Amino acid sequence: MITMEIATINQYIMKIIIAAREQDSINQIAKRINISYGWTHKWCRKLINLGVFKEVGLKLILNKENKFYKDTLEYIKASFSKDINFHYSVLELFGIKYCFTKTDSVFIWTKGGYNIARYKEYYPIFIKVKKDDFKTFKEYCKKLNLKINAKKGIFYFIEVLDDFEVSYSDSIPVDSLNAAIGFMKKHIYNFQPALEMIQEMYNKNLNIKYKEAEYV
């Protein structure tokens, strides 16, 4: 049975609990959760009072044995570790360089309009992670019970690279549109319908004719 101070639990507290590292600062947490310093300071102060953090100068030292911290983390894992949307959205709290690639670049550039060969029992999420950030990425995944390169369920399929270019679609980090188109053309039999969508959405001349209407 998970017990916690209900009045303290909210989206900001949960984001801070997820984003927190063993040694941290309010400023760095604010950057990772993309909330103003003042607002982050307010909720970090509550967590300091609850014993989740110990304040040492400008540093915050995380107390992993703190009951509120452990209960909140268990609640997050129980509620979201099998949620597909959570796997996408939580990455922005890690403070690492990453971007979506392959099937997910298609998914994102088509605004969720094209997804293929994935379902909840087998749902790889394709991302690139910068080599320098891979250790941190694995630590967050372990903390949240998120799987990497598994064979079933929801998991991250990772490319670890020294560096890579990142484009954005609706503020989501992703391979460039041209790179996504190149991937689709390479696997044309799986992605021909998506190429037609891209052609229409972005006014690209890809010479793709897939709709049944084209053959009538």
Protein backbone atom coordinates (compact mmCIF):
# COMPACT_ATOMS: atom_id res chain seq x y z
CA MET A 1 0.00 0.00 0.00
CA ILE A 2 1.54 3.29 -1.10
CA THR A 3 1.01 6.14 1.33
CA MET A 4 2.12 9.72 0.72
CA GLU A 5 1.24 13.31 1.47
CA ILE A 6 -1.47 13.81 -1.14
CA ALA A 7 -1.39 17.58 -0.80
CA THR A 8 2.24 17.59 -1.96
CA ILE A 9 1.88 15.31 -4.99
CA ASN A 10 1.38 17.14 -8.29
CA GLN A 11 2.87 17.21 -11.78
CA TYR A 12 5.77 19.43 -10.68
CA ILE A 13 6.77 17.19 -7.80
CA MET A 14 6.59 14.12 -10.02
CA LYS A 15 8.72 15.78 -12.71
CA ILE A 16 11.31 16.77 -10.10
CA ILE A 17 11.36 13.24 -8.63
CA ILE A 18 11.87 11.79 -12.13
CA ALA A 19 14.51 14.31 -13.20
CA ALA A 20 16.49 14.41 -9.93
CA ARG A 21 20.07 13.11 -9.93
CA GLU A 22 22.15 12.02 -6.94
CA GLN A 23 23.88 15.41 -6.86
CA ASP A 24 21.91 18.23 -8.40
CA SER A 25 20.88 21.86 -8.16
CA ILE A 26 17.60 23.73 -8.42
CA ASN A 27 18.91 25.53 -11.50
CA GLN A 28 19.78 22.30 -13.32
CA ILE A 29 16.48 20.66 -12.37
CA ALA A 30 14.59 23.73 -13.63
CA LYS A 31 16.35 23.43 -17.00
CA ARG A 32 15.56 19.73 -17.32
CA ILE A 33 11.89 20.02 -16.42
CA ASN A 34 11.53 23.28 -18.40
CA ILE A 35 9.87 25.21 -15.57
CA SER A 36 10.91 28.62 -14.22
CA TYR A 37 13.57 28.73 -11.52
CA GLY A 38 11.16 30.34 -9.06
CA TRP A 39 8.48 27.69 -9.49
CA THR A 40 11.05 24.88 -9.33
CA HIS A 41 12.54 26.44 -6.20
CA LYS A 42 9.12 26.41 -4.52
CA TRP A 43 8.61 22.68 -5.03
CA CYS A 44 12.24 21.73 -4.35
CA ARG A 45 11.92 23.58 -1.05
CA LYS A 46 8.96 21.36 -0.13
CA LEU A 47 11.03 18.30 -0.99
CA ILE A 48 13.91 19.61 1.11
CA ASN A 49 11.49 19.98 4.03
CA LEU A 50 10.32 16.40 3.46
CA GLY A 51 13.90 15.14 3.52
CA VAL A 52 14.04 14.11 -0.15
CA PHE A 53 16.95 16.50 -0.70
CA LYS A 54 19.69 17.68 1.61
CA GLU A 55 20.81 21.20 0.83
CA VAL A 56 24.58 21.74 0.80
CA GLY A 57 25.31 25.26 -0.39
CA LEU A 58 23.84 25.44 -3.88
CA LYS A 59 23.83 21.66 -4.23
CA LEU A 60 20.97 19.26 -3.60
CA ILE A 61 21.93 15.77 -2.40
CA LEU A 62 19.22 13.20 -3.16
CA ASN A 63 18.21 10.88 -0.31
CA LYS A 64 17.15 7.72 -2.15
CA GLU A 65 16.07 6.10 1.13
CA ASN A 66 13.58 8.85 1.94
CA LYS A 67 10.09 7.35 2.28
CA PHE A 68 8.33 10.10 0.33
CA TYR A 69 10.83 9.77 -2.51
CA LYS A 70 10.52 5.97 -2.64
CA ASP A 71 6.72 6.00 -2.42
CA THR A 72 6.39 8.65 -5.13
CA LEU A 73 8.81 6.81 -7.41
CA GLU A 74 6.90 3.55 -6.89
CA TYR A 75 3.67 5.35 -7.75
CA ILE A 76 5.21 6.73 -10.96
CA LYS A 77 6.56 3.32 -11.98
CA ALA A 78 3.30 1.53 -11.21
CA SER A 79 1.27 4.13 -13.10
CA PHE A 80 3.44 4.86 -16.14
CA SER A 81 6.13 2.22 -16.80
CA LYS A 82 3.77 0.42 -19.22
CA ASP A 83 2.38 3.59 -20.80
CA ILE A 84 3.54 4.24 -24.36
CA ASN A 85 3.02 8.01 -24.24
CA PHE A 86 5.05 8.23 -21.03
CA HIS A 87 8.02 6.59 -22.78
CA TYR A 88 7.96 9.37 -25.37
CA SER A 89 7.38 12.34 -23.07
CA VAL A 90 9.66 11.39 -20.17
CA LEU A 91 12.84 11.61 -22.29
CA GLU A 92 12.77 15.40 -22.17
CA LEU A 93 13.28 15.22 -18.37
CA PHE A 94 16.57 13.31 -18.64
CA GLY A 95 18.68 16.29 -19.70
CA ILE A 96 20.42 14.35 -22.47
CA LYS A 97 20.88 14.74 -26.22
CA TYR A 98 18.54 12.40 -28.08
CA CYS A 99 16.26 12.32 -31.09
CA PHE A 100 13.68 9.98 -32.59
CA THR A 101 14.69 8.03 -35.68
CA LYS A 102 13.60 5.32 -38.14
CA THR A 103 9.94 4.29 -37.64
CA ASP A 104 9.49 7.00 -35.03
CA SER A 105 10.77 9.70 -37.36
CA VAL A 106 7.99 8.63 -39.75
CA PHE A 107 5.47 8.58 -36.90
CA ILE A 108 6.44 12.10 -35.82
CA TRP A 109 6.68 13.73 -39.26
CA THR A 110 3.26 12.29 -40.19
CA LYS A 111 1.89 13.77 -36.92
CA GLY A 112 1.09 10.30 -35.65
CA GLY A 113 -0.70 9.46 -38.89
CA TYR A 114 1.43 6.45 -39.81
CA ASN A 115 2.59 3.70 -37.48
CA ILE A 116 3.52 0.17 -38.51
CA ALA A 117 4.35 -3.22 -36.99
CA ARG A 118 3.98 -2.04 -33.40
CA TYR A 119 1.48 -2.85 -30.66
CA LYS A 120 1.58 -2.74 -26.86
CA GLU A 121 3.02 -6.26 -26.52
CA TYR A 122 5.86 -5.30 -28.90
CA TYR A 123 6.52 -1.59 -29.16
CA PRO A 124 10.12 -0.52 -29.88
CA ILE A 125 10.72 3.23 -29.68
CA PHE A 126 13.59 4.15 -31.98
CA ILE A 127 15.93 6.84 -30.67
CA LYS A 128 19.49 8.08 -31.05
CA VAL A 129 21.41 8.92 -27.88
CA LYS A 130 24.71 10.77 -27.70
CA LYS A 131 27.51 8.50 -26.48
CA ASP A 132 28.46 10.91 -23.70
CA ASP A 133 24.89 10.74 -22.36
CA PHE A 134 24.28 7.00 -22.66
CA LYS A 135 25.31 6.18 -19.08
CA THR A 136 22.93 8.83 -17.77
CA PHE A 137 20.18 7.51 -20.05
CA LYS A 138 20.62 3.99 -18.66
CA GLU A 139 20.51 5.29 -15.09
CA TYR A 140 17.17 6.99 -15.71
CA CYS A 141 15.76 3.88 -17.38
CA LYS A 142 16.81 1.76 -14.41
CA LYS A 143 15.29 4.27 -12.01
CA LEU A 144 11.94 4.20 -13.83
CA ASN A 145 11.82 0.51 -14.87
CA LEU A 146 12.00 1.39 -18.57
CA LYS A 147 13.43 -1.29 -20.84
CA ILE A 148 16.22 -0.98 -23.41
CA ASN A 149 16.63 -3.25 -26.46
CA ALA A 150 14.18 -5.84 -25.13
CA LYS A 151 12.28 -8.49 -27.08
CA LYS A 152 8.75 -7.71 -25.93
CA GLY A 153 6.66 -5.00 -24.35
CA ILE A 154 7.47 -1.30 -24.68
CA PHE A 155 11.19 -0.59 -24.93
CA TYR A 156 13.77 1.79 -26.36
CA PHE A 157 15.74 0.61 -29.39
CA ILE A 158 18.92 2.66 -29.16
CA GLU A 159 21.54 3.94 -31.55
CA VAL A 160 24.47 5.29 -29.54
CA LEU A 161 26.43 7.82 -31.60
CA ASP A 162 29.31 10.21 -30.97
CA ASP A 163 27.05 13.00 -32.19
CA PHE A 164 24.21 13.66 -34.61
CA GLU A 165 22.10 16.45 -36.04
CA VAL A 166 18.68 17.08 -34.55
CA SER A 167 15.65 18.59 -36.25
CA TYR A 168 12.35 19.47 -34.58
CA SER A 169 8.74 18.78 -35.45
CA ASP A 170 6.31 20.46 -33.07
CA SER A 171 9.23 20.85 -30.62
CA ILE A 172 9.96 17.10 -30.71
CA PRO A 173 13.62 16.19 -31.44
CA VAL A 174 13.74 13.97 -34.52
CA ASP A 175 15.78 13.10 -37.59
CA SER A 176 15.42 15.66 -40.39
CA LEU A 177 12.47 15.32 -42.74
CA ASN A 178 14.86 14.46 -45.58
CA ALA A 179 16.49 11.73 -43.47
CA ALA A 180 13.04 10.33 -42.66
CA ILE A 181 12.14 10.36 -46.36
CA GLY A 182 15.39 8.55 -47.14
CA PHE A 183 14.55 5.88 -44.56
CA MET A 184 11.06 5.45 -46.01
CA LYS A 185 12.38 5.13 -49.55
CA LYS A 186 14.88 2.51 -48.40
CA HIS A 187 11.95 0.51 -46.98
CA ILE A 188 9.41 1.52 -49.62
CA TYR A 189 7.15 -1.53 -49.26
CA ASN A 190 6.45 -0.67 -45.62
CA PHE A 191 6.32 3.10 -45.96
CA GLN A 192 4.85 3.94 -49.36
CA PRO A 193 1.56 5.16 -47.79
CA ALA A 194 3.58 7.33 -45.39
CA LEU A 195 5.55 8.82 -48.26
CA GLU A 196 2.29 9.85 -49.87
CA MET A 197 1.24 11.50 -46.62
CA ILE A 198 4.57 13.35 -46.42
CA GLN A 199 4.21 14.40 -50.05
CA GLU A 200 0.84 15.99 -49.33
CA MET A 201 1.65 17.42 -45.90
CA TYR A 202 4.92 19.11 -46.87
CA ASN A 203 4.35 19.74 -50.58
CA LYS A 204 7.18 17.40 -51.55
CA ASN A 205 7.47 16.09 -55.10
CA LEU A 206 8.20 12.42 -54.36
CA ASN A 207 6.35 10.87 -57.32
CA ILE A 208 4.40 8.61 -54.97
CA LYS A 209 0.99 7.30 -56.04
CA TYR A 210 -0.52 4.91 -53.56
CA LYS A 211 -4.20 5.68 -53.05
CA GLU A 212 -6.71 3.30 -54.61
CA ALA A 213 -8.15 6.28 -56.44
CA GLU A 214 -4.94 6.54 -58.44
CA TYR A 215 -5.56 3.08 -59.89
CA VAL A 216 -9.24 3.48 -60.77
